[in-house]
């Protein structure tokens, strides 16, 4: 299974581009920070991740503010150049103050 859920803020939005098939594509950079437990120790995790969205998700993504926080859902794949991974965003929603974990609706 290849499914990633990540709460992150938008660090960078590139210009909207179009695939050869005419599909809108939005490249972006995400920044994540959290506190997790590992081997009985609390650990601060900071990560920067490249991401891309296509179609209607790309159209909605380009309207969001740099610095805004979201819960992203999608899958990871190799970058086109084959160096590192990129998150393919399939949906995103505002980060709620509730910790429900449920996915209701799309943004």
N, C-alpha and C. Protein backbone atom coordinates (compact mmCIF):
# COMPACT_ATOMS: atom_id res chain seq x y z
N UNK A 1 0.85 -1.18 0.00
CA UNK A 1 0.00 0.00 0.00
C UNK A 1 0.89 1.24 0.00
N UNK A 2 0.53 2.23 -0.75
CA UNK A 2 1.27 3.48 -0.85
C UNK A 2 0.29 4.62 -0.62
N UNK A 3 0.16 5.05 0.66
CA UNK A 3 -0.76 6.12 1.02
C UNK A 3 -0.10 6.93 2.13
N UNK A 4 0.00 8.23 1.93
CA UNK A 4 0.65 9.08 2.91
C UNK A 4 -0.31 10.17 3.37
N UNK A 5 -0.43 10.34 4.69
CA UNK A 5 -1.16 11.45 5.29
C UNK A 5 -0.15 12.31 6.00
N UNK A 6 -0.16 13.60 5.74
CA UNK A 6 0.84 14.48 6.31
C UNK A 6 0.24 15.85 6.57
N UNK A 7 0.45 16.35 7.77
CA UNK A 7 0.08 17.73 8.08
C UNK A 7 1.32 18.57 7.83
N UNK A 8 1.16 19.60 7.01
CA UNK A 8 2.31 20.42 6.63
C UNK A 8 1.84 21.79 6.19
N UNK A 9 2.79 22.71 6.11
CA UNK A 9 2.48 24.04 5.58
C UNK A 9 3.10 24.18 4.20
N UNK A 10 2.49 25.02 3.39
CA UNK A 10 3.00 25.27 2.05
C UNK A 10 4.16 26.24 2.16
N UNK A 11 5.35 25.78 1.82
CA UNK A 11 6.54 26.61 1.89
C UNK A 11 6.79 27.35 0.58
N UNK A 12 6.38 26.73 -0.52
CA UNK A 12 6.63 27.33 -1.84
C UNK A 12 5.62 26.79 -2.84
N UNK A 13 5.06 27.68 -3.65
CA UNK A 13 4.17 27.31 -4.75
C UNK A 13 4.83 27.76 -6.04
N UNK A 14 5.09 26.83 -6.92
CA UNK A 14 5.66 27.17 -8.24
C UNK A 14 4.53 27.68 -9.13
N UNK A 15 4.87 28.18 -10.30
CA UNK A 15 3.85 28.61 -11.26
C UNK A 15 3.09 27.40 -11.76
N UNK A 16 1.78 27.56 -11.94
CA UNK A 16 0.97 26.47 -12.48
C UNK A 16 1.47 26.14 -13.88
N UNK A 17 1.61 24.85 -14.14
CA UNK A 17 2.06 24.40 -15.46
C UNK A 17 1.03 23.42 -16.01
N UNK A 18 1.23 23.00 -17.24
CA UNK A 18 0.32 22.04 -17.86
C UNK A 18 1.13 20.88 -18.42
N UNK A 19 0.59 19.67 -18.25
CA UNK A 19 1.24 18.48 -18.79
C UNK A 19 1.07 18.49 -20.31
N UNK A 20 1.82 17.66 -21.04
CA UNK A 20 1.63 17.57 -22.50
C UNK A 20 0.18 17.24 -22.89
N UNK A 21 -0.55 16.58 -21.99
CA UNK A 21 -1.95 16.25 -22.26
C UNK A 21 -2.90 17.40 -21.90
N UNK A 22 -2.33 18.52 -21.41
CA UNK A 22 -3.15 19.68 -21.08
C UNK A 22 -3.70 19.70 -19.66
N UNK A 23 -3.24 18.79 -18.83
CA UNK A 23 -3.72 18.70 -17.44
C UNK A 23 -2.96 19.71 -16.57
N UNK A 24 -3.68 20.53 -15.77
CA UNK A 24 -2.99 21.46 -14.87
C UNK A 24 -2.14 20.69 -13.86
N UNK A 25 -0.95 21.21 -13.58
CA UNK A 25 -0.04 20.59 -12.61
C UNK A 25 0.55 21.69 -11.73
N UNK A 26 0.48 21.48 -10.42
CA UNK A 26 0.99 22.44 -9.46
C UNK A 26 2.12 21.81 -8.66
N UNK A 27 3.33 22.30 -8.82
CA UNK A 27 4.47 21.85 -8.03
C UNK A 27 4.56 22.73 -6.79
N UNK A 28 4.90 22.12 -5.66
CA UNK A 28 5.02 22.88 -4.43
C UNK A 28 6.01 22.21 -3.50
N UNK A 29 6.39 22.94 -2.46
CA UNK A 29 7.28 22.42 -1.43
C UNK A 29 6.52 22.53 -0.11
N UNK A 30 6.53 21.44 0.66
CA UNK A 30 5.85 21.39 1.94
C UNK A 30 6.86 21.32 3.07
N UNK A 31 6.50 21.92 4.21
CA UNK A 31 7.33 21.83 5.42
C UNK A 31 6.49 21.23 6.54
N UNK A 32 7.04 20.23 7.18
CA UNK A 32 6.36 19.51 8.26
C UNK A 32 7.19 19.62 9.53
N UNK A 33 6.49 19.75 10.66
CA UNK A 33 7.15 19.73 11.96
C UNK A 33 6.21 19.05 12.95
N UNK A 34 6.74 18.08 13.70
CA UNK A 34 5.93 17.40 14.71
C UNK A 34 6.81 16.82 15.81
N UNK A 35 6.15 16.40 16.87
CA UNK A 35 6.81 15.74 18.00
C UNK A 35 6.31 14.30 17.98
N UNK A 36 7.22 13.33 17.94
CA UNK A 36 6.84 11.91 17.92
C UNK A 36 7.62 11.14 18.98
N UNK A 37 7.10 9.97 19.34
CA UNK A 37 7.78 9.06 20.25
C UNK A 37 8.53 8.03 19.43
N UNK A 38 9.80 7.82 19.76
CA UNK A 38 10.59 6.79 19.10
C UNK A 38 11.51 6.15 20.13
N UNK A 39 11.38 4.85 20.29
CA UNK A 39 12.20 4.09 21.25
C UNK A 39 12.13 4.70 22.65
N UNK A 40 10.92 5.12 23.04
CA UNK A 40 10.72 5.67 24.37
C UNK A 40 11.19 7.10 24.55
N UNK A 41 11.64 7.72 23.49
CA UNK A 41 12.15 9.10 23.55
C UNK A 41 11.27 10.01 22.71
N UNK A 42 11.12 11.25 23.15
CA UNK A 42 10.41 12.24 22.37
C UNK A 42 11.37 12.81 21.34
N UNK A 43 10.89 12.94 20.12
CA UNK A 43 11.76 13.41 19.04
C UNK A 43 11.06 14.49 18.24
N UNK A 44 11.77 15.58 17.96
CA UNK A 44 11.26 16.64 17.10
C UNK A 44 11.59 16.28 15.66
N UNK A 45 10.58 16.22 14.82
CA UNK A 45 10.77 15.87 13.41
C UNK A 45 10.49 17.10 12.56
N UNK A 46 11.44 17.44 11.73
CA UNK A 46 11.27 18.51 10.75
C UNK A 46 11.61 17.93 9.39
N UNK A 47 10.75 18.17 8.41
CA UNK A 47 11.00 17.62 7.08
C UNK A 47 10.49 18.59 6.02
N UNK A 48 11.22 18.66 4.92
CA UNK A 48 10.81 19.41 3.74
C UNK A 48 10.58 18.39 2.64
N UNK A 49 9.47 18.53 1.93
CA UNK A 49 9.08 17.52 0.95
C UNK A 49 8.55 18.19 -0.30
N UNK A 50 9.01 17.73 -1.44
CA UNK A 50 8.47 18.20 -2.72
C UNK A 50 7.14 17.50 -2.96
N UNK A 51 6.20 18.22 -3.56
CA UNK A 51 4.88 17.65 -3.83
C UNK A 51 4.38 18.17 -5.18
N UNK A 52 3.39 17.47 -5.72
CA UNK A 52 2.76 17.87 -6.97
C UNK A 52 1.28 17.50 -6.90
N UNK A 53 0.45 18.32 -7.52
CA UNK A 53 -0.98 18.03 -7.63
C UNK A 53 -1.38 18.21 -9.08
N UNK A 54 -2.36 17.42 -9.53
CA UNK A 54 -2.82 17.48 -10.92
C UNK A 54 -4.32 17.74 -10.98
N UNK A 55 -4.77 18.25 -12.10
CA UNK A 55 -6.20 18.42 -12.36
C UNK A 55 -6.85 19.42 -11.44
N UNK A 56 -8.07 19.07 -10.97
CA UNK A 56 -8.85 19.97 -10.11
C UNK A 56 -8.13 20.25 -8.79
N UNK A 57 -7.38 19.28 -8.28
CA UNK A 57 -6.63 19.49 -7.03
C UNK A 57 -5.57 20.56 -7.26
N UNK A 58 -4.91 20.55 -8.40
CA UNK A 58 -3.91 21.57 -8.73
C UNK A 58 -4.56 22.95 -8.82
N UNK A 59 -5.73 23.02 -9.41
CA UNK A 59 -6.45 24.30 -9.53
C UNK A 59 -6.77 24.87 -8.15
N UNK A 60 -7.19 24.01 -7.22
CA UNK A 60 -7.49 24.48 -5.85
C UNK A 60 -6.21 24.82 -5.10
N UNK A 61 -5.17 24.02 -5.32
CA UNK A 61 -3.91 24.23 -4.62
C UNK A 61 -3.30 25.59 -4.93
N UNK A 62 -3.36 26.00 -6.18
CA UNK A 62 -2.71 27.26 -6.58
C UNK A 62 -3.36 28.48 -5.93
N UNK A 63 -4.55 28.32 -5.38
CA UNK A 63 -5.25 29.44 -4.74
C UNK A 63 -4.91 29.58 -3.26
N UNK A 64 -4.11 28.67 -2.73
CA UNK A 64 -3.80 28.67 -1.29
C UNK A 64 -2.59 29.56 -1.00
N UNK A 65 -2.54 30.06 0.19
CA UNK A 65 -1.46 30.98 0.60
C UNK A 65 -0.22 30.21 1.05
N UNK A 66 0.93 30.72 0.65
CA UNK A 66 2.19 30.20 1.17
C UNK A 66 2.16 30.43 2.69
N UNK A 67 2.55 29.43 3.44
CA UNK A 67 2.54 29.51 4.90
C UNK A 67 1.30 28.89 5.52
N UNK A 68 0.26 28.63 4.72
CA UNK A 68 -0.96 28.04 5.27
C UNK A 68 -0.74 26.54 5.52
N UNK A 69 -1.45 26.01 6.53
CA UNK A 69 -1.28 24.61 6.93
C UNK A 69 -2.47 23.78 6.49
N UNK A 70 -2.17 22.54 6.06
CA UNK A 70 -3.16 21.63 5.51
C UNK A 70 -2.85 20.20 5.91
N UNK A 71 -3.85 19.35 5.79
CA UNK A 71 -3.65 17.91 5.90
C UNK A 71 -3.69 17.37 4.48
N UNK A 72 -2.57 16.83 4.03
CA UNK A 72 -2.43 16.33 2.67
C UNK A 72 -2.56 14.81 2.65
N UNK A 73 -3.21 14.29 1.62
CA UNK A 73 -3.32 12.85 1.42
C UNK A 73 -2.92 12.54 -0.01
N UNK A 74 -2.15 11.48 -0.17
CA UNK A 74 -1.73 11.10 -1.52
C UNK A 74 -0.80 9.91 -1.47
N UNK A 75 0.08 9.82 -2.45
CA UNK A 75 1.04 8.72 -2.52
C UNK A 75 2.40 9.28 -2.91
N UNK A 76 3.45 8.51 -2.64
CA UNK A 76 4.80 8.94 -3.00
C UNK A 76 5.29 8.17 -4.21
N UNK A 77 6.10 8.85 -5.03
CA UNK A 77 6.70 8.26 -6.22
C UNK A 77 8.06 8.92 -6.43
N UNK A 78 8.89 8.30 -7.25
CA UNK A 78 10.17 8.91 -7.59
C UNK A 78 9.94 10.19 -8.37
N UNK A 79 10.84 11.16 -8.17
CA UNK A 79 10.79 12.37 -8.98
C UNK A 79 11.14 12.01 -10.41
N UNK A 80 10.77 12.90 -11.33
CA UNK A 80 11.05 12.63 -12.75
C UNK A 80 12.52 12.34 -13.00
N UNK A 81 13.41 13.06 -12.33
CA UNK A 81 14.85 12.85 -12.51
C UNK A 81 15.34 11.61 -11.75
N UNK A 82 14.44 11.01 -10.94
CA UNK A 82 14.81 9.81 -10.21
C UNK A 82 15.57 10.06 -8.92
N UNK A 83 15.72 11.31 -8.52
CA UNK A 83 16.46 11.65 -7.30
C UNK A 83 15.48 12.07 -6.21
N UNK A 84 15.20 11.17 -5.29
CA UNK A 84 14.30 11.48 -4.19
C UNK A 84 12.86 11.18 -4.51
N UNK A 85 12.01 11.43 -3.52
CA UNK A 85 10.59 11.16 -3.64
C UNK A 85 9.79 12.45 -3.74
N UNK A 86 8.61 12.34 -4.33
CA UNK A 86 7.68 13.46 -4.40
C UNK A 86 6.31 12.95 -3.96
N UNK A 87 5.60 13.75 -3.17
CA UNK A 87 4.24 13.42 -2.75
C UNK A 87 3.28 13.86 -3.83
N UNK A 88 2.49 12.94 -4.35
CA UNK A 88 1.43 13.25 -5.31
C UNK A 88 0.17 13.50 -4.49
N UNK A 89 -0.23 14.76 -4.36
CA UNK A 89 -1.37 15.13 -3.53
C UNK A 89 -2.67 14.79 -4.27
N UNK A 90 -3.49 13.96 -3.65
CA UNK A 90 -4.78 13.59 -4.23
C UNK A 90 -5.92 14.35 -3.58
N UNK A 91 -5.71 14.81 -2.35
CA UNK A 91 -6.68 15.65 -1.68
C UNK A 91 -5.99 16.40 -0.56
N UNK A 92 -6.59 17.51 -0.16
CA UNK A 92 -6.07 18.25 0.98
C UNK A 92 -7.23 18.96 1.64
N UNK A 93 -7.09 19.17 2.95
CA UNK A 93 -8.14 19.82 3.71
C UNK A 93 -7.50 20.66 4.79
N UNK A 94 -8.24 21.66 5.29
CA UNK A 94 -7.67 22.51 6.35
C UNK A 94 -7.32 21.69 7.58
N UNK A 95 -6.30 22.10 8.28
CA UNK A 95 -5.95 21.47 9.54
C UNK A 95 -6.98 21.94 10.55
N UNK A 96 -7.69 20.99 11.16
CA UNK A 96 -8.70 21.37 12.15
C UNK A 96 -8.07 21.34 13.53
N UNK A 97 -8.71 22.04 14.45
CA UNK A 97 -8.22 22.05 15.82
C UNK A 97 -8.64 20.77 16.54
N UNK A 98 -9.61 20.05 15.94
CA UNK A 98 -10.02 18.76 16.50
C UNK A 98 -9.03 17.70 16.02
N UNK A 99 -8.86 16.68 16.79
CA UNK A 99 -8.01 15.57 16.37
C UNK A 99 -8.90 14.37 16.06
N UNK A 100 -9.82 14.56 15.15
CA UNK A 100 -10.78 13.51 14.83
C UNK A 100 -10.18 12.43 13.95
N UNK A 101 -9.26 12.79 13.06
CA UNK A 101 -8.66 11.81 12.19
C UNK A 101 -9.55 11.41 11.04
N UNK A 102 -10.79 11.88 11.03
CA UNK A 102 -11.73 11.51 9.96
C UNK A 102 -11.51 12.40 8.74
N UNK A 103 -11.80 11.86 7.58
CA UNK A 103 -11.68 12.61 6.34
C UNK A 103 -13.08 12.93 5.87
N UNK A 104 -13.52 14.15 6.09
CA UNK A 104 -14.84 14.56 5.64
C UNK A 104 -14.67 15.67 4.62
N UNK A 105 -15.03 15.41 3.39
CA UNK A 105 -14.96 16.44 2.35
C UNK A 105 -13.55 16.68 1.86
N UNK A 106 -13.48 17.50 0.85
CA UNK A 106 -12.19 17.86 0.25
C UNK A 106 -12.12 19.36 0.13
N UNK A 107 -10.89 19.86 0.16
CA UNK A 107 -10.68 21.28 -0.02
C UNK A 107 -9.88 21.52 -1.26
